[in-house]
């Protein structure tokens, strides 16, 4: 795929995300080509944990530490029912 084609595809994905958000939904997409990946995330107000965590995973670019830290921050902000996050909160 050429750079122009990937730019066009990115624009279409972003437009789709904005349409879904306008309807009150959330949309997360990660598209990966040889030259790298493009992430589009359009989260509706009050998006649920699945959409938020999917967004964090896409934005972490494969860095698990970044993903875990984002999920931990999300749990502090929005609350959670995770045994693992609760255990992390008890660590010195």
PDB file of N, CA and C in Angstrom:
ATOM      1  N   UNK A   1       0.847  -1.165   0.000  1.00  0.00           N
ATOM      2  CA  UNK A   1       0.000   0.000   0.000  1.00  0.00           C
ATOM      3  C   UNK A   1       0.901   1.238   0.000  1.00  0.00           C
ATOM      4  N   UNK A   2       0.574   2.196  -0.828  1.00  0.00           N
ATOM      5  CA  UNK A   2       1.377   3.414  -0.900  1.00  0.00           C
ATOM      6  C   UNK A   2       1.006   4.362   0.232  1.00  0.00           C
ATOM      7  N   UNK A   3       1.858   5.375   0.449  1.00  0.00           N
ATOM      8  CA  UNK A   3       1.589   6.344   1.514  1.00  0.00           C
ATOM      9  C   UNK A   3       0.269   7.068   1.263  1.00  0.00           C
ATOM     10  N   UNK A   4      -0.010   7.427   0.036  1.00  0.00           N
ATOM     11  CA  UNK A   4      -1.266   8.102  -0.299  1.00  0.00           C
ATOM     12  C   UNK A   4      -2.473   7.234  -0.003  1.00  0.00           C
ATOM     13  N   UNK A   5      -2.345   5.939  -0.306  1.00  0.00           N
ATOM     14  CA  UNK A   5      -3.448   5.021  -0.023  1.00  0.00           C
ATOM     15  C   UNK A   5      -3.661   4.869   1.478  1.00  0.00           C
ATOM     16  N   UNK A   6      -2.575   4.776   2.246  1.00  0.00           N
ATOM     17  CA  UNK A   6      -2.739   4.627   3.691  1.00  0.00           C
ATOM     18  C   UNK A   6      -3.309   5.904   4.297  1.00  0.00           C
ATOM     19  N   UNK A   7      -2.938   7.080   3.776  1.00  0.00           N
ATOM     20  CA  UNK A   7      -3.511   8.342   4.259  1.00  0.00           C
ATOM     21  C   UNK A   7      -5.008   8.391   3.983  1.00  0.00           C
ATOM     22  N   UNK A   8      -5.395   7.962   2.791  1.00  0.00           N
ATOM     23  CA  UNK A   8      -6.818   7.937   2.431  1.00  0.00           C
ATOM     24  C   UNK A   8      -7.583   6.991   3.348  1.00  0.00           C
ATOM     25  N   UNK A   9      -7.011   5.824   3.598  1.00  0.00           N
ATOM     26  CA  UNK A   9      -7.648   4.849   4.482  1.00  0.00           C
ATOM     27  C   UNK A   9      -7.777   5.412   5.890  1.00  0.00           C
ATOM     28  N   UNK A  10      -6.723   6.070   6.381  1.00  0.00           N
ATOM     29  CA  UNK A  10      -6.761   6.681   7.709  1.00  0.00           C
ATOM     30  C   UNK A  10      -7.875   7.706   7.805  1.00  0.00           C
ATOM     31  N   UNK A  11      -8.026   8.525   6.772  1.00  0.00           N
ATOM     32  CA  UNK A  11      -9.087   9.529   6.761  1.00  0.00           C
ATOM     33  C   UNK A  11     -10.466   8.874   6.830  1.00  0.00           C
ATOM     34  N   UNK A  12     -10.642   7.776   6.115  1.00  0.00           N
ATOM     35  CA  UNK A  12     -11.923   7.072   6.120  1.00  0.00           C
ATOM     36  C   UNK A  12     -12.218   6.472   7.494  1.00  0.00           C
ATOM     37  N   UNK A  13     -11.203   5.889   8.129  1.00  0.00           N
ATOM     38  CA  UNK A  13     -11.387   5.309   9.460  1.00  0.00           C
ATOM     39  C   UNK A  13     -11.737   6.404  10.469  1.00  0.00           C
ATOM     40  N   UNK A  14     -11.028   7.534  10.399  1.00  0.00           N
ATOM     41  CA  UNK A  14     -11.320   8.654  11.310  1.00  0.00           C
ATOM     42  C   UNK A  14     -12.735   9.166  11.108  1.00  0.00           C
ATOM     43  N   UNK A  15     -13.162   9.281   9.856  1.00  0.00           N
ATOM     44  CA  UNK A  15     -14.522   9.748   9.565  1.00  0.00           C
ATOM     45  C   UNK A  15     -15.560   8.774  10.120  1.00  0.00           C
ATOM     46  N   UNK A  16     -15.307   7.482   9.983  1.00  0.00           N
ATOM     47  CA  UNK A  16     -16.217   6.481  10.535  1.00  0.00           C
ATOM     48  C   UNK A  16     -16.301   6.621  12.058  1.00  0.00           C
ATOM     49  N   UNK A  17     -15.146   6.795  12.702  1.00  0.00           N
ATOM     50  CA  UNK A  17     -15.128   6.976  14.149  1.00  0.00           C
ATOM     51  C   UNK A  17     -15.925   8.192  14.583  1.00  0.00           C
ATOM     52  N   UNK A  18     -15.782   9.292  13.867  1.00  0.00           N
ATOM     53  CA  UNK A  18     -16.526  10.511  14.196  1.00  0.00           C
ATOM     54  C   UNK A  18     -18.028  10.321  13.999  1.00  0.00           C
ATOM     55  N   UNK A  19     -18.428   9.592  12.958  1.00  0.00           N
ATOM     56  CA  UNK A  19     -19.861   9.305  12.727  1.00  0.00           C
ATOM     57  C   UNK A  19     -20.427   8.487  13.864  1.00  0.00           C
ATOM     58  N   UNK A  20     -19.678   7.473  14.305  1.00  0.00           N
ATOM     59  CA  UNK A  20     -20.143   6.626  15.403  1.00  0.00           C
ATOM     60  C   UNK A  20     -20.242   7.440  16.686  1.00  0.00           C
ATOM     61  N   UNK A  21     -19.248   8.280  16.942  1.00  0.00           N
ATOM     62  CA  UNK A  21     -19.266   9.125  18.141  1.00  0.00           C
ATOM     63  C   UNK A  21     -20.459  10.075  18.112  1.00  0.00           C
ATOM     64  N   UNK A  22     -20.762  10.645  16.950  1.00  0.00           N
ATOM     65  CA  UNK A  22     -21.896  11.556  16.813  1.00  0.00           C
ATOM     66  C   UNK A  22     -23.215  10.862  17.144  1.00  0.00           C
ATOM     67  N   UNK A  23     -23.261   9.560  16.939  1.00  0.00           N
ATOM     68  CA  UNK A  23     -24.458   8.777  17.266  1.00  0.00           C
ATOM     69  C   UNK A  23     -24.467   8.309  18.721  1.00  0.00           C
ATOM     70  N   UNK A  24     -23.413   8.682  19.469  1.00  0.00           N
ATOM     71  CA  UNK A  24     -23.354   8.326  20.884  1.00  0.00           C
ATOM     72  C   UNK A  24     -22.553   7.072  21.172  1.00  0.00           C
ATOM     73  N   UNK A  25     -21.880   6.537  20.185  1.00  0.00           N
ATOM     74  CA  UNK A  25     -21.090   5.322  20.373  1.00  0.00           C
ATOM     75  C   UNK A  25     -19.607   5.624  20.477  1.00  0.00           C
ATOM     76  N   UNK A  26     -18.853   4.626  20.854  1.00  0.00           N
ATOM     77  CA  UNK A  26     -17.400   4.737  20.922  1.00  0.00           C
ATOM     78  C   UNK A  26     -16.796   3.833  19.861  1.00  0.00           C
ATOM     79  N   UNK A  27     -15.630   4.235  19.349  1.00  0.00           N
ATOM     80  CA  UNK A  27     -14.978   3.511  18.256  1.00  0.00           C
ATOM     81  C   UNK A  27     -13.473   3.558  18.483  1.00  0.00           C
ATOM     82  N   UNK A  28     -12.825   2.397  18.419  1.00  0.00           N
ATOM     83  CA  UNK A  28     -11.370   2.322  18.522  1.00  0.00           C
ATOM     84  C   UNK A  28     -10.880   1.407  17.407  1.00  0.00           C
ATOM     85  N   UNK A  29      -9.866   1.872  16.669  1.00  0.00           N
ATOM     86  CA  UNK A  29      -9.307   1.064  15.588  1.00  0.00           C
ATOM     87  C   UNK A  29      -7.793   1.221  15.564  1.00  0.00           C
ATOM     88  N   UNK A  30      -7.113   0.119  15.347  1.00  0.00           N
ATOM     89  CA  UNK A  30      -5.672   0.118  15.137  1.00  0.00           C
ATOM     90  C   UNK A  30      -5.447  -0.563  13.799  1.00  0.00           C
ATOM     91  N   UNK A  31      -4.847   0.160  12.873  1.00  0.00           N
ATOM     92  CA  UNK A  31      -4.542  -0.393  11.561  1.00  0.00           C
ATOM     93  C   UNK A  31      -3.031  -0.401  11.430  1.00  0.00           C
ATOM     94  N   UNK A  32      -2.480  -1.558  11.100  1.00  0.00           N
ATOM     95  CA  UNK A  32      -1.031  -1.682  11.033  1.00  0.00           C
ATOM     96  C   UNK A  32      -0.612  -2.111   9.638  1.00  0.00           C
ATOM     97  N   UNK A  33       0.280  -1.319   9.050  1.00  0.00           N
ATOM     98  CA  UNK A  33       0.903  -1.640   7.785  1.00  0.00           C
ATOM     99  C   UNK A  33       2.388  -1.832   8.053  1.00  0.00           C
ATOM    100  N   UNK A  34       3.150  -2.189   7.035  1.00  0.00           N
ATOM    101  CA  UNK A  34       4.581  -2.412   7.204  1.00  0.00           C
ATOM    102  C   UNK A  34       5.291  -1.210   7.794  1.00  0.00           C
ATOM    103  N   UNK A  35       4.863   0.000   7.413  1.00  0.00           N
ATOM    104  CA  UNK A  35       5.569   1.190   7.859  1.00  0.00           C
ATOM    105  C   UNK A  35       5.150   1.679   9.240  1.00  0.00           C
ATOM    106  N   UNK A  36       4.241   1.014   9.884  1.00  0.00           N
ATOM    107  CA  UNK A  36       3.827   1.419  11.226  1.00  0.00           C
ATOM    108  C   UNK A  36       2.335   1.290  11.393  1.00  0.00           C
ATOM    109  N   UNK A  37       1.844   1.814  12.495  1.00  0.00           N
ATOM    110  CA  UNK A  37       0.424   1.674  12.778  1.00  0.00           C
ATOM    111  C   UNK A  37      -0.220   3.042  12.956  1.00  0.00           C
ATOM    112  N   UNK A  38      -1.505   3.066  12.748  1.00  0.00           N
ATOM    113  CA  UNK A  38      -2.316   4.263  12.895  1.00  0.00           C
ATOM    114  C   UNK A  38      -3.450   3.914  13.848  1.00  0.00           C
ATOM    115  N   UNK A  39      -3.632   4.721  14.869  1.00  0.00           N
ATOM    116  CA  UNK A  39      -4.702   4.488  15.833  1.00  0.00           C
ATOM    117  C   UNK A  39      -5.723   5.601  15.733  1.00  0.00           C
ATOM    118  N   UNK A  40      -6.976   5.212  15.696  1.00  0.00           N
ATOM    119  CA  UNK A  40      -8.078   6.162  15.739  1.00  0.00           C
ATOM    120  C   UNK A  40      -8.953   5.780  16.919  1.00  0.00           C
ATOM    121  N   UNK A  41      -9.225   6.744  17.776  1.00  0.00           N
ATOM    122  CA  UNK A  41     -10.077   6.491  18.935  1.00  0.00           C
ATOM    123  C   UNK A  41     -11.033   7.655  19.098  1.00  0.00           C
ATOM    124  N   UNK A  42     -12.308   7.370  19.016  1.00  0.00           N
ATOM    125  CA  UNK A  42     -13.356   8.362  19.224  1.00  0.00           C
ATOM    126  C   UNK A  42     -14.267   7.805  20.308  1.00  0.00           C
ATOM    127  N   UNK A  43     -14.064   8.266  21.530  1.00  0.00           N
ATOM    128  CA  UNK A  43     -14.836   7.745  22.654  1.00  0.00           C
ATOM    129  C   UNK A  43     -15.974   8.696  22.993  1.00  0.00           C
ATOM    130  N   UNK A  44     -17.157   8.138  23.140  1.00  0.00           N
ATOM    131  CA  UNK A  44     -18.318   8.918  23.545  1.00  0.00           C
ATOM    132  C   UNK A  44     -18.165   9.309  25.015  1.00  0.00           C
ATOM    133  N   UNK A  45     -18.845  10.375  25.401  1.00  0.00           N
ATOM    134  CA  UNK A  45     -18.883  10.776  26.804  1.00  0.00           C
ATOM    135  C   UNK A  45     -19.394   9.597  27.622  1.00  0.00           C
ATOM    136  N   UNK A  46     -18.695   9.257  28.682  1.00  0.00           N
ATOM    137  CA  UNK A  46     -19.104   8.138  29.522  1.00  0.00           C
ATOM    138  C   UNK A  46     -18.782   6.778  28.939  1.00  0.00           C
ATOM    139  N   UNK A  47     -17.807   6.707  28.039  1.00  0.00           N
ATOM    140  CA  UNK A  47     -17.425   5.423  27.435  1.00  0.00           C
ATOM    141  C   UNK A  47     -17.092   4.411  28.534  1.00  0.00           C
ATOM    142  N   UNK A  48     -17.435   3.172  28.293  1.00  0.00           N
ATOM    143  CA  UNK A  48     -17.220   2.122  29.278  1.00  0.00           C
ATOM    144  C   UNK A  48     -15.780   1.645  29.335  1.00  0.00           C
ATOM    145  N   UNK A  49     -15.489   0.803  30.327  1.00  0.00           N
ATOM    146  CA  UNK A  49     -14.118   0.343  30.511  1.00  0.00           C
ATOM    147  C   UNK A  49     -13.563  -0.444  29.323  1.00  0.00           C
ATOM    148  N   UNK A  50     -14.384  -1.202  28.638  1.00  0.00           N
ATOM    149  CA  UNK A  50     -13.866  -1.981  27.502  1.00  0.00           C
ATOM    150  C   UNK A  50     -13.338  -1.056  26.409  1.00  0.00           C
ATOM    151  N   UNK A  51     -14.070   0.008  26.093  1.00  0.00           N
ATOM    152  CA  UNK A  51     -13.614   0.958  25.068  1.00  0.00           C
ATOM    153  C   UNK A  51     -12.375   1.699  25.539  1.00  0.00           C
ATOM    154  N   UNK A  52     -12.362   2.116  26.808  1.00  0.00           N
ATOM    155  CA  UNK A  52     -11.202   2.853  27.315  1.00  0.00           C
ATOM    156  C   UNK A  52      -9.953   1.973  27.317  1.00  0.00           C
ATOM    157  N   UNK A  53     -10.077   0.740  27.783  1.00  0.00           N
ATOM    158  CA  UNK A  53      -8.918  -0.149  27.857  1.00  0.00           C
ATOM    159  C   UNK A  53      -8.435  -0.530  26.455  1.00  0.00           C
ATOM    160  N   UNK A  54      -9.357  -0.714  25.524  1.00  0.00           N
ATOM    161  CA  UNK A  54      -8.971  -0.992  24.140  1.00  0.00           C
ATOM    162  C   UNK A  54      -8.176   0.173  23.576  1.00  0.00           C
ATOM    163  N   UNK A  55      -8.609   1.389  23.888  1.00  0.00           N
ATOM    164  CA  UNK A  55      -7.883   2.583  23.439  1.00  0.00           C
ATOM    165  C   UNK A  55      -6.485   2.607  24.035  1.00  0.00           C
ATOM    166  N   UNK A  56      -6.364   2.316  25.329  1.00  0.00           N
ATOM    167  CA  UNK A  56      -5.042   2.306  25.963  1.00  0.00           C
ATOM    168  C   UNK A  56      -4.134   1.269  25.304  1.00  0.00           C
ATOM    169  N   UNK A  57      -4.686   0.107  24.993  1.00  0.00           N
ATOM    170  CA  UNK A  57      -3.880  -0.939  24.354  1.00  0.00           C
ATOM    171  C   UNK A  57      -3.386  -0.485  22.984  1.00  0.00           C
ATOM    172  N   UNK A  58      -4.263   0.122  22.215  1.00  0.00           N
ATOM    173  CA  UNK A  58      -3.866   0.589  20.883  1.00  0.00           C
ATOM    174  C   UNK A  58      -2.807   1.680  20.978  1.00  0.00           C
ATOM    175  N   UNK A  59      -2.956   2.589  21.925  1.00  0.00           N
ATOM    176  CA  UNK A  59      -2.023   3.708  22.052  1.00  0.00           C
ATOM    177  C   UNK A  59      -0.693   3.320  22.693  1.00  0.00           C
ATOM    178  N   UNK A  60      -0.641   2.162  23.350  1.00  0.00           N
ATOM    179  CA  UNK A  60       0.592   1.757  24.037  1.00  0.00           C
ATOM    180  C   UNK A  60       1.667   1.256  23.074  1.00  0.00           C
ATOM    181  N   UNK A  61       1.312   1.035  21.818  1.00  0.00           N
ATOM    182  CA  UNK A  61       2.268   0.608  20.788  1.00  0.00           C
ATOM    183  C   UNK A  61       3.046  -0.639  21.202  1.00  0.00           C
ATOM    184  N   UNK A  62       2.380  -1.562  21.852  1.00  0.00           N
ATOM    185  CA  UNK A  62       3.020  -2.809  22.242  1.00  0.00           C
ATOM    186  C   UNK A  62       3.799  -2.751  23.540  1.00  0.00           C
ATOM    187  N   UNK A  63       3.843  -1.603  24.192  1.00  0.00           N
ATOM    188  CA  UNK A  63       4.565  -1.464  25.458  1.00  0.00           C
ATOM    189  C   UNK A  63       3.625  -1.821  26.603  1.00  0.00           C
ATOM    190  N   UNK A  64       3.803  -2.999  27.157  1.00  0.00           N
ATOM    191  CA  UNK A  64       2.907  -3.509  28.194  1.00  0.00           C
ATOM    192  C   UNK A  64       2.954  -2.642  29.451  1.00  0.00           C
ATOM    193  N   UNK A  65       4.124  -2.109  29.784  1.00  0.00           N
ATOM    194  CA  UNK A  65       4.210  -1.238  30.956  1.00  0.00           C
ATOM    195  C   UNK A  65       3.314  -0.012  30.787  1.00  0.00           C
ATOM    196  N   UNK A  66       3.348   0.596  29.605  1.00  0.00           N
ATOM    197  CA  UNK A  66       2.475   1.746  29.352  1.00  0.00           C
ATOM    198  C   UNK A  66       1.005   1.364  29.463  1.00  0.00           C
ATOM    199  N   UNK A  67       0.663   0.191  28.931  1.00  0.00           N
ATOM    200  CA  UNK A  67      -0.716  -0.280  29.014  1.00  0.00           C
ATOM    201  C   UNK A  67      -1.133  -0.478  30.462  1.00  0.00           C
ATOM    202  N   UNK A  68      -0.316  -1.168  31.248  1.00  0.00           N
ATOM    203  CA  UNK A  68      -0.659  -1.426  32.647  1.00  0.00           C
ATOM    204  C   UNK A  68      -0.796  -0.140  33.447  1.00  0.00           C
ATOM    205  N   UNK A  69       0.112   0.811  33.196  1.00  0.00           N
ATOM    206  CA  UNK A  69       0.037   2.079  33.925  1.00  0.00           C
ATOM    207  C   UNK A  69      -1.227   2.852  33.545  1.00  0.00           C
ATOM    208  N   UNK A  70      -1.613   2.811  32.266  1.00  0.00           N
ATOM    209  CA  UNK A  70      -2.831   3.493  31.826  1.00  0.00           C
ATOM    210  C   UNK A  70      -4.063   2.852  32.465  1.00  0.00           C
ATOM    211  N   UNK A  71      -4.084   1.523  32.533  1.00  0.00           N
ATOM    212  CA  UNK A  71      -5.212   0.824  33.151  1.00  0.00           C
ATOM    213  C   UNK A  71      -5.263   1.133  34.646  1.00  0.00           C
ATOM    214  N   UNK A  72      -4.112   1.208  35.285  1.00  0.00           N
ATOM    215  CA  UNK A  72      -4.067   1.540  36.708  1.00  0.00           C
ATOM    216  C   UNK A  72      -4.606   2.959  36.942  1.00  0.00           C
ATOM    217  N   UNK A  73      -4.186   3.916  36.130  1.00  0.00           N
ATOM    218  CA  UNK A  73      -4.699   5.290  36.254  1.00  0.00           C
ATOM    219  C   UNK A  73      -6.209   5.324  36.017  1.00  0.00           C
ATOM    220  N   UNK A  74      -6.678   4.559  35.027  1.00  0.00           N
ATOM    221  CA  UNK A  74      -8.102   4.511  34.733  1.00  0.00           C
ATOM    222  C   UNK A  74      -8.885   3.961  35.930  1.00  0.00           C
ATOM    223  N   UNK A  75      -8.339   2.928  36.558  1.00  0.00           N
ATOM    224  CA  UNK A  75      -9.004   2.348  37.723  1.00  0.00           C
ATOM    225  C   UNK A  75      -9.105   3.334  38.874  1.00  0.00           C
ATOM    226  N   UNK A  76      -8.076   4.130  39.062  1.00  0.00           N
ATOM    227  CA  UNK A  76      -8.114   5.151  40.120  1.00  0.00           C
ATOM    228  C   UNK A  76      -9.148   6.222  39.815  1.00  0.00           C
ATOM    229  N   UNK A  77      -9.253   6.588  38.547  1.00  0.00           N
ATOM    230  CA  UNK A  77     -10.168   7.655  38.145  1.00  0.00           C
ATOM    231  C   UNK A  77     -11.623   7.209  38.109  1.00  0.00           C
ATOM    232  N   UNK A  78     -11.869   6.022  37.543  1.00  0.00           N
ATOM    233  CA  UNK A  78     -13.233   5.574  37.289  1.00  0.00           C
ATOM    234  C   UNK A  78     -13.705   4.478  38.252  1.00  0.00           C
ATOM    235  N   UNK A  79     -12.802   3.978  39.085  1.00  0.00           N
ATOM    236  CA  UNK A  79     -13.147   2.836  39.928  1.00  0.00           C
ATOM    237  C   UNK A  79     -12.965   1.538  39.157  1.00  0.00           C
ATOM    238  N   UNK A  80     -12.910   0.435  39.888  1.00  0.00           N
ATOM    239  CA  UNK A  80     -12.711  -0.864  39.255  1.00  0.00           C
ATOM    240  C   UNK A  80     -13.136  -1.969  40.215  1.00  0.00           C
ATOM    241  N   UNK A  81     -13.201  -3.172  39.701  1.00  0.00           N
ATOM    242  CA  UNK A  81     -13.464  -4.349  40.522  1.00  0.00           C
ATOM    243  C   UNK A  81     -12.379  -5.398  40.280  1.00  0.00           C
ATOM    244  N   UNK A  82     -11.167  -4.926  40.015  1.00  0.00           N
ATOM    245  CA  UNK A  82     -10.050  -5.800  39.670  1.00  0.00           C
ATOM    246  C   UNK A  82      -9.265  -6.227  40.900  1.00  0.00           C
ATOM    247  N   UNK A  83      -9.073  -7.514  41.034  1.00  0.00           N
ATOM    248  CA  UNK A  83      -8.237  -8.048  42.110  1.00  0.00           C
ATOM    249  C   UNK A  83      -6.803  -7.573  41.926  1.00  0.00           C
ATOM    250  N   UNK A  84      -6.328  -7.578  40.700  1.00  0.00           N
ATOM    251  CA  UNK A  84      -4.936  -7.198  40.433  1.00  0.00           C
ATOM    252  C   UNK A  84      -4.681  -5.721  40.739  1.00  0.00           C
ATOM    253  N   UNK A  85      -5.589  -4.853  40.328  1.00  0.00           N
ATOM    254  CA  UNK A  85      -5.397  -3.441  40.646  1.00  0.00           C
ATOM    255  C   UNK A  85      -5.486  -3.202  42.149  1.00  0.00           C
ATOM    256  N   UNK A  86      -6.333  -3.948  42.821  1.00  0.00           N
ATOM    257  CA  UNK A  86      -6.424  -3.831  44.286  1.00  0.00           C
ATOM    258  C   UNK A  86      -5.114  -4.267  44.929  1.00  0.00           C
ATOM    259  N   UNK A  87      -4.512  -5.339  44.433  1.00  0.00           N
ATOM    260  CA  UNK A  87      -3.222  -5.801  44.961  1.00  0.00           C
ATOM    261  C   UNK A  87      -2.138  -4.756  44.726  1.00  0.00           C
ATOM    262  N   UNK A  88      -2.134  -4.114  43.570  1.00  0.00           N
ATOM    263  CA  UNK A  88      -1.145  -3.079  43.290  1.00  0.00           C
ATOM    264  C   UNK A  88      -1.289  -1.907  44.252  1.00  0.00           C
ATOM    265  N   UNK A  89      -2.507  -1.597  44.632  1.00  0.00           N
ATOM    266  CA  UNK A  89      -2.745  -0.501  45.552  1.00  0.00           C
ATOM    267  C   UNK A  89      -2.198  -0.765  46.943  1.00  0.00           C
ATOM    268  N   UNK A  90      -1.959  -2.026  47.278  1.00  0.00           N
ATOM    269  CA  UNK A  90      -1.432  -2.386  48.608  1.00  0.00           C
ATOM    270  C   UNK A  90       0.073  -2.506  48.618  1.00  0.00           C
ATOM    271  N   UNK A  91       0.709  -2.417  47.455  1.00  0.00           N
ATOM    272  CA  UNK A  91       2.167  -2.537  47.415  1.00  0.00           C
ATOM    273  C   UNK A  91       2.804  -1.285  47.976  1.00  0.00           C
ATOM    274  N   UNK A  92       3.956  -1.445  48.637  1.00  0.00           N
ATOM    275  CA  UNK A  92       4.622  -0.265  49.217  1.00  0.00           C
ATOM    276  C   UNK A  92       5.109   0.695  48.155  1.00  0.00           C
TER     277      UNK A  92
END
